[in-house]
N, C-alpha and C. Protein backbone atom coordinates (compact mmCIF):
# COMPACT_ATOMS: atom_id res chain seq x y z
N MET A 1 2.55 -33.09 -16.84
CA MET A 1 2.13 -32.22 -18.31
C MET A 1 2.56 -31.43 -18.20
N GLU A 2 3.38 -31.23 -19.26
CA GLU A 2 3.86 -30.03 -19.58
C GLU A 2 3.16 -28.90 -19.79
N PRO A 3 3.42 -27.37 -19.22
CA PRO A 3 2.58 -26.53 -19.05
C PRO A 3 1.98 -26.05 -20.83
N ALA A 4 1.00 -25.11 -20.77
CA ALA A 4 0.76 -24.41 -21.96
C ALA A 4 1.92 -23.97 -22.33
N GLY A 5 1.98 -23.35 -23.97
CA GLY A 5 2.48 -22.34 -24.83
C GLY A 5 3.80 -23.39 -24.71
N ASP A 6 4.82 -22.58 -25.11
CA ASP A 6 6.32 -22.90 -25.53
C ASP A 6 7.05 -22.49 -25.13
N LEU A 7 8.36 -22.76 -24.26
CA LEU A 7 9.37 -22.91 -23.44
C LEU A 7 10.33 -22.15 -24.30
N VAL A 8 10.55 -20.91 -23.08
CA VAL A 8 10.77 -19.68 -23.90
C VAL A 8 12.20 -19.05 -23.15
N ILE A 9 12.57 -19.56 -22.11
CA ILE A 9 13.63 -19.05 -20.78
C ILE A 9 13.39 -20.56 -19.97
N ARG A 10 15.33 -21.04 -19.99
CA ARG A 10 15.30 -21.92 -18.86
C ARG A 10 16.57 -21.33 -18.30
N VAL A 11 16.35 -21.20 -17.50
CA VAL A 11 17.61 -20.05 -16.52
C VAL A 11 17.47 -20.74 -15.00
N THR A 12 18.56 -21.10 -14.20
CA THR A 12 18.94 -20.66 -12.89
C THR A 12 18.99 -19.73 -11.92
N ALA A 13 18.48 -19.86 -10.78
CA ALA A 13 18.49 -18.61 -10.43
C ALA A 13 19.84 -18.75 -9.30
N MET A 14 20.46 -17.43 -9.56
CA MET A 14 21.86 -17.31 -8.74
C MET A 14 21.83 -16.43 -7.50
N PRO A 15 22.74 -16.59 -6.78
CA PRO A 15 22.28 -15.74 -5.51
C PRO A 15 22.40 -13.99 -5.76
N THR A 16 23.02 -13.74 -7.36
CA THR A 16 22.10 -12.15 -6.99
C THR A 16 20.70 -12.04 -7.44
N ASP A 17 20.27 -12.92 -7.28
CA ASP A 17 18.68 -12.95 -7.66
C ASP A 17 17.65 -13.17 -6.66
N LEU A 18 18.67 -13.08 -5.88
CA LEU A 18 17.54 -13.10 -4.13
C LEU A 18 17.34 -11.86 -3.82
N ASN A 19 16.47 -11.88 -2.68
CA ASN A 19 15.76 -10.87 -1.78
C ASN A 19 16.81 -10.61 -0.35
N PRO A 20 16.16 -9.73 0.18
CA PRO A 20 17.20 -9.83 1.43
C PRO A 20 16.82 -10.72 2.23
N TYR A 21 15.58 -11.48 2.12
CA TYR A 21 15.11 -12.73 2.86
C TYR A 21 15.71 -13.94 2.69
N GLY A 22 16.22 -14.03 1.42
CA GLY A 22 16.83 -15.62 1.40
C GLY A 22 16.48 -16.04 -0.06
N GLY A 23 15.08 -15.30 -0.73
CA GLY A 23 14.19 -15.70 -1.79
C GLY A 23 14.77 -15.39 -2.64
N VAL A 24 13.89 -16.00 -4.06
CA VAL A 24 13.97 -15.40 -5.07
C VAL A 24 13.29 -13.92 -5.26
N PHE A 25 14.28 -12.98 -5.65
CA PHE A 25 13.50 -11.90 -6.18
C PHE A 25 12.24 -11.68 -6.92
N GLY A 26 11.29 -11.25 -6.65
CA GLY A 26 9.68 -11.00 -7.24
C GLY A 26 10.17 -10.44 -8.83
N GLY A 27 10.82 -9.08 -8.87
CA GLY A 27 11.22 -8.25 -10.03
C GLY A 27 12.09 -9.32 -10.64
N TRP A 28 12.94 -10.11 -10.15
CA TRP A 28 13.80 -10.91 -11.26
C TRP A 28 13.00 -11.41 -11.95
N LEU A 29 12.02 -12.42 -11.22
CA LEU A 29 10.69 -13.37 -11.93
C LEU A 29 10.14 -12.25 -12.59
N MET A 30 9.67 -11.50 -12.65
CA MET A 30 9.05 -10.46 -13.63
C MET A 30 9.59 -10.26 -15.08
N SER A 31 11.10 -10.12 -14.79
CA SER A 31 11.98 -9.22 -15.86
C SER A 31 12.06 -10.76 -16.54
N GLN A 32 12.28 -12.17 -16.16
CA GLN A 32 12.20 -13.16 -17.04
C GLN A 32 11.28 -13.40 -17.48
N LEU A 33 10.11 -13.34 -17.19
CA LEU A 33 8.43 -13.18 -17.46
C LEU A 33 8.64 -12.60 -18.98
N ALA A 34 9.17 -11.26 -18.45
CA ALA A 34 9.20 -10.24 -19.50
C ALA A 34 10.02 -10.67 -21.15
N LEU A 35 11.42 -10.80 -20.73
CA LEU A 35 12.17 -11.45 -21.50
C LEU A 35 11.62 -12.83 -22.35
N GLY A 36 10.61 -13.75 -21.77
CA GLY A 36 10.30 -14.79 -22.43
C GLY A 36 9.35 -14.13 -23.53
N ALA A 37 8.50 -13.19 -23.23
CA ALA A 37 7.08 -12.76 -23.62
C ALA A 37 7.64 -12.03 -24.91
N ALA A 38 8.90 -11.32 -24.36
CA ALA A 38 9.22 -10.63 -25.87
C ALA A 38 10.30 -11.66 -26.82
N SER A 39 10.68 -12.41 -26.33
CA SER A 39 11.18 -13.79 -27.34
C SER A 39 10.31 -14.47 -28.27
N GLN A 40 8.78 -14.76 -27.41
CA GLN A 40 7.53 -15.04 -28.45
C GLN A 40 7.37 -14.13 -29.61
N VAL A 41 7.11 -12.99 -29.27
CA VAL A 41 6.38 -11.65 -30.17
C VAL A 41 7.65 -11.83 -31.06
N THR A 42 9.22 -11.85 -31.27
CA THR A 42 9.77 -11.31 -32.39
C THR A 42 10.15 -12.96 -33.05
N ARG A 43 10.20 -13.91 -32.07
CA ARG A 43 9.47 -15.31 -32.45
C ARG A 43 8.86 -15.34 -34.03
N ARG A 44 7.71 -14.56 -33.32
CA ARG A 44 6.52 -14.86 -34.69
C ARG A 44 6.23 -13.67 -35.15
N THR A 45 7.14 -12.78 -35.30
CA THR A 45 6.86 -12.09 -36.04
C THR A 45 8.26 -11.13 -36.82
N GLY A 46 9.17 -11.84 -36.55
CA GLY A 46 10.33 -11.75 -36.73
C GLY A 46 11.19 -10.05 -36.51
N LEU A 47 10.68 -8.96 -35.97
CA LEU A 47 10.41 -8.11 -35.94
C LEU A 47 10.58 -7.72 -34.65
N LYS A 48 11.44 -6.23 -34.49
CA LYS A 48 11.59 -5.84 -33.06
C LYS A 48 9.73 -5.86 -32.31
N ALA A 49 9.88 -5.90 -30.73
CA ALA A 49 8.80 -5.35 -30.21
C ALA A 49 8.87 -4.48 -28.69
N VAL A 50 8.44 -4.08 -28.75
CA VAL A 50 8.36 -2.96 -26.86
C VAL A 50 7.42 -3.24 -26.47
N VAL A 51 7.30 -3.62 -25.34
CA VAL A 51 6.53 -3.78 -23.87
C VAL A 51 6.14 -2.57 -23.99
N VAL A 52 4.28 -2.16 -23.49
CA VAL A 52 3.45 -1.15 -23.26
C VAL A 52 2.61 -1.23 -22.53
N GLY A 53 2.29 -2.44 -21.89
CA GLY A 53 2.02 -3.22 -20.35
C GLY A 53 2.06 -4.40 -20.39
N ALA A 54 1.79 -4.41 -18.57
CA ALA A 54 2.23 -5.43 -17.90
C ALA A 54 1.47 -5.57 -16.86
N THR A 55 0.67 -6.89 -17.10
CA THR A 55 -0.65 -6.75 -16.10
C THR A 55 -0.79 -8.05 -15.51
N ASP A 56 -1.83 -8.26 -14.21
CA ASP A 56 -1.90 -9.79 -13.38
C ASP A 56 -1.22 -10.34 -13.20
N PHE A 57 -0.24 -10.01 -12.62
CA PHE A 57 0.73 -10.81 -11.66
C PHE A 57 0.51 -11.39 -10.87
N ALA A 58 1.24 -13.12 -10.31
CA ALA A 58 1.13 -13.49 -9.52
C ALA A 58 2.00 -14.06 -9.11
N PHE A 59 2.38 -14.19 -7.63
CA PHE A 59 3.51 -15.18 -7.56
C PHE A 59 2.86 -16.43 -6.61
N PRO A 60 2.60 -17.60 -7.42
CA PRO A 60 1.90 -18.63 -6.33
C PRO A 60 2.83 -19.60 -5.63
N GLY A 61 3.84 -19.57 -5.80
CA GLY A 61 4.98 -20.63 -5.21
C GLY A 61 6.54 -20.15 -5.38
N VAL A 62 7.24 -20.11 -4.54
CA VAL A 62 8.82 -20.00 -3.72
C VAL A 62 9.87 -20.53 -4.58
N MET A 63 10.73 -20.01 -5.12
CA MET A 63 11.98 -20.38 -5.63
C MET A 63 13.19 -20.54 -4.43
N GLN A 64 13.78 -21.25 -4.93
CA GLN A 64 15.61 -20.39 -4.09
C GLN A 64 16.72 -21.10 -5.06
N VAL A 65 17.97 -20.35 -4.53
CA VAL A 65 18.77 -19.92 -4.89
C VAL A 65 19.00 -21.41 -5.79
N GLY A 66 19.47 -21.50 -7.17
CA GLY A 66 19.85 -22.90 -7.72
C GLY A 66 19.00 -23.55 -8.01
N ASP A 67 17.63 -23.14 -8.35
CA ASP A 67 16.48 -23.84 -8.49
C ASP A 67 16.56 -23.50 -10.21
N GLU A 68 15.67 -24.18 -11.04
CA GLU A 68 15.78 -23.44 -11.86
C GLU A 68 14.34 -23.07 -12.61
N LEU A 69 14.08 -21.90 -13.71
CA LEU A 69 12.96 -21.16 -13.75
C LEU A 69 12.87 -21.48 -15.06
N ASN A 70 11.87 -21.82 -15.66
CA ASN A 70 11.36 -22.59 -16.87
C ASN A 70 10.22 -21.43 -17.09
N VAL A 71 9.90 -20.61 -18.24
CA VAL A 71 8.98 -19.81 -18.92
C VAL A 71 8.90 -20.15 -19.85
N TYR A 72 7.09 -20.32 -19.75
CA TYR A 72 6.75 -21.00 -20.87
C TYR A 72 5.22 -19.37 -21.75
N ALA A 73 5.50 -19.36 -22.86
CA ALA A 73 4.74 -18.49 -23.26
C ALA A 73 3.90 -18.77 -24.30
N GLU A 74 2.37 -18.27 -24.30
CA GLU A 74 1.54 -18.52 -25.60
C GLU A 74 0.63 -16.87 -25.89
N ILE A 75 0.32 -17.13 -27.36
CA ILE A 75 -0.17 -16.03 -27.49
C ILE A 75 -1.50 -15.43 -26.84
N ALA A 76 -1.91 -14.44 -26.15
CA ALA A 76 -3.21 -14.90 -25.91
C ALA A 76 -4.26 -13.98 -26.62
N ARG A 77 -3.91 -12.62 -27.46
CA ARG A 77 -4.38 -12.09 -28.26
C ARG A 77 -3.47 -11.24 -29.25
N LYS A 78 -4.48 -10.74 -29.95
CA LYS A 78 -3.61 -10.18 -31.45
C LYS A 78 -4.69 -8.78 -31.54
N GLY A 79 -4.15 -7.95 -31.82
CA GLY A 79 -3.73 -6.34 -32.03
C GLY A 79 -3.93 -6.25 -33.18
N ARG A 80 -4.36 -4.79 -33.95
CA ARG A 80 -4.00 -4.59 -34.93
C ARG A 80 -2.24 -4.55 -34.92
N THR A 81 -1.61 -3.54 -34.11
CA THR A 81 -0.20 -3.80 -34.21
C THR A 81 0.16 -4.36 -32.77
N SER A 82 -0.29 -4.71 -32.00
CA SER A 82 0.13 -5.53 -30.94
C SER A 82 -0.40 -6.96 -30.86
N MET A 83 0.67 -7.57 -29.70
CA MET A 83 -0.15 -8.84 -29.52
C MET A 83 0.37 -9.06 -27.75
N THR A 84 -0.75 -9.55 -27.33
CA THR A 84 -0.56 -9.88 -25.72
C THR A 84 -0.66 -10.88 -25.08
N ILE A 85 0.60 -11.24 -24.72
CA ILE A 85 1.44 -12.80 -24.16
C ILE A 85 1.19 -12.91 -22.82
N GLN A 86 0.66 -14.59 -22.61
CA GLN A 86 0.35 -14.81 -21.42
C GLN A 86 1.61 -15.51 -21.01
N THR A 87 1.95 -15.36 -19.63
CA THR A 87 3.55 -16.50 -19.53
C THR A 87 3.29 -16.82 -18.04
N ARG A 88 3.98 -18.21 -17.86
CA ARG A 88 3.94 -18.47 -16.81
C ARG A 88 5.41 -19.30 -16.20
N GLY A 89 6.21 -19.32 -15.02
CA GLY A 89 7.26 -19.59 -14.81
C GLY A 89 7.10 -20.25 -13.79
N PHE A 90 7.85 -21.77 -14.29
CA PHE A 90 7.82 -22.58 -13.31
C PHE A 90 9.35 -22.98 -12.60
N GLY A 91 9.05 -23.43 -11.45
CA GLY A 91 10.63 -23.46 -10.65
C GLY A 91 10.50 -24.81 -10.22
N ARG A 92 12.08 -25.44 -10.56
CA ARG A 92 12.51 -27.10 -10.65
C ARG A 92 13.36 -27.05 -9.73
N ALA A 93 13.45 -27.64 -8.71
CA ALA A 93 14.37 -27.75 -7.66
C ALA A 93 15.67 -28.48 -8.59
N ARG A 94 17.11 -28.58 -8.24
CA ARG A 94 18.22 -28.63 -8.94
C ARG A 94 17.91 -30.58 -9.04
N ALA A 95 17.75 -30.92 -8.24
CA ALA A 95 17.59 -32.60 -7.80
C ALA A 95 16.61 -33.35 -7.86
N SER A 96 15.37 -32.56 -8.71
CA SER A 96 14.09 -32.81 -8.48
C SER A 96 13.60 -32.96 -10.48
N GLU A 97 12.35 -33.49 -10.83
CA GLU A 97 12.13 -33.43 -12.05
C GLU A 97 10.21 -32.42 -11.69
N ASP A 98 9.74 -32.22 -10.54
CA ASP A 98 8.93 -31.84 -10.10
C ASP A 98 9.08 -30.24 -10.33
N GLN A 99 8.04 -29.67 -11.35
CA GLN A 99 7.61 -28.38 -11.02
C GLN A 99 6.67 -27.93 -10.35
N VAL A 100 6.82 -26.58 -10.03
CA VAL A 100 5.76 -25.95 -9.19
C VAL A 100 5.32 -24.60 -10.13
N GLU A 101 4.61 -24.04 -10.16
CA GLU A 101 4.17 -22.84 -10.83
C GLU A 101 4.62 -21.36 -9.46
N VAL A 102 5.82 -20.92 -10.00
CA VAL A 102 6.29 -19.69 -8.78
C VAL A 102 5.69 -18.28 -9.84
N ALA A 103 5.55 -18.16 -10.68
CA ALA A 103 5.14 -16.86 -11.45
C ALA A 103 4.11 -16.99 -12.59
N ASN A 104 3.15 -15.93 -12.80
CA ASN A 104 2.48 -15.78 -14.03
C ASN A 104 2.38 -14.15 -14.01
N GLY A 105 1.89 -13.78 -15.58
CA GLY A 105 1.64 -12.44 -15.92
C GLY A 105 1.23 -12.15 -17.19
N THR A 106 1.23 -11.35 -17.42
CA THR A 106 0.09 -10.52 -18.90
C THR A 106 1.21 -9.68 -19.23
N PHE A 107 1.92 -9.62 -20.62
CA PHE A 107 2.62 -8.47 -21.03
C PHE A 107 1.73 -7.99 -22.73
N THR A 108 1.57 -6.93 -23.00
CA THR A 108 1.45 -6.49 -24.10
C THR A 108 2.30 -5.85 -24.96
N PHE A 109 2.73 -6.07 -26.23
CA PHE A 109 3.74 -5.20 -27.21
C PHE A 109 2.95 -5.16 -28.22
N VAL A 110 3.94 -4.15 -28.62
CA VAL A 110 4.03 -3.93 -29.91
C VAL A 110 4.98 -3.57 -30.83
N VAL A 111 4.60 -4.32 -31.71
CA VAL A 111 5.41 -4.93 -33.01
C VAL A 111 5.86 -3.69 -34.05
N LEU A 112 7.36 -2.96 -33.80
CA LEU A 112 8.00 -2.03 -34.80
C LEU A 112 8.37 -2.53 -35.76
N ASP A 113 8.50 -1.90 -37.12
CA ASP A 113 8.75 -1.94 -38.54
C ASP A 113 10.43 -1.48 -38.19
N ALA A 114 10.98 -1.37 -39.60
CA ALA A 114 12.83 -1.00 -39.31
C ALA A 114 12.75 0.70 -39.25
N ASN A 115 11.68 1.26 -39.01
CA ASN A 115 12.02 2.52 -38.60
C ASN A 115 11.44 2.79 -37.37
N ASP A 116 10.83 2.17 -36.76
CA ASP A 116 10.32 2.18 -35.59
C ASP A 116 9.01 2.65 -35.10
N ARG A 117 8.14 2.14 -35.99
CA ARG A 117 6.51 2.71 -36.16
C ARG A 117 5.88 1.50 -35.82
N PRO A 118 4.99 1.63 -35.33
CA PRO A 118 4.01 0.28 -35.15
C PRO A 118 3.89 -0.21 -36.17
N CYS A 119 3.67 -1.41 -36.82
CA CYS A 119 3.45 -2.52 -38.07
C CYS A 119 2.31 -3.27 -37.83
N PRO A 120 1.21 -3.44 -38.78
CA PRO A 120 -0.11 -4.24 -38.53
C PRO A 120 1.00 -5.40 -38.58
N LEU A 121 0.42 -6.27 -37.94
CA LEU A 121 -0.02 -7.59 -38.02
C LEU A 121 -0.38 -8.21 -39.01
N ASP A 122 -1.49 -7.39 -40.13
CA ASP A 122 -2.32 -8.50 -41.01
C ASP A 122 -1.08 -8.35 -41.81
N ALA A 123 0.14 -7.32 -42.14
CA ALA A 123 1.36 -7.05 -43.19
C ALA A 123 2.30 -8.11 -43.26
N LEU A 124 2.55 -8.60 -41.95
CA LEU A 124 3.54 -10.10 -41.81
C LEU A 124 2.82 -11.18 -42.31
N SER A 125 3.20 -11.50 -43.05
CA SER A 125 3.39 -13.60 -43.18
C SER A 125 3.58 -14.19 -42.34
N GLN A 126 4.25 -14.07 -41.59
CA GLN A 126 4.64 -15.44 -40.18
C GLN A 126 3.91 -15.23 -38.91
N VAL A 127 3.16 -14.29 -39.06
CA VAL A 127 2.66 -14.09 -37.79
C VAL A 127 1.52 -15.46 -37.69
N ALA A 128 1.88 -16.33 -36.74
CA ALA A 128 1.34 -17.38 -36.52
C ALA A 128 0.13 -16.78 -35.14
């Protein structure tokens, strides 16, 4: 079964992404979730978006070097100038089709206009 949301990132964990114990560093996972969430907002609005909040992180599984990370994102909430994105990251061993959830978290972004001022979402025709 395909996870909910849009596939926004697919990347392979490399040796530089490991913690001192040999597993994939949680900070790397968080940054990949953030990049995917930002991509989702920009794709929906066509504008720059900056993160203003990140909450509810969990790391229910583990990844090893060489595993593929697939990040899925979906809009959880729309505010006046903000969007909250729920993300889930799934690890897949290189020689397998099986995926296991390795990280999830929620990000809130403020959408900015050309002058870097908060932009009301209702003024945008393409927000899904």
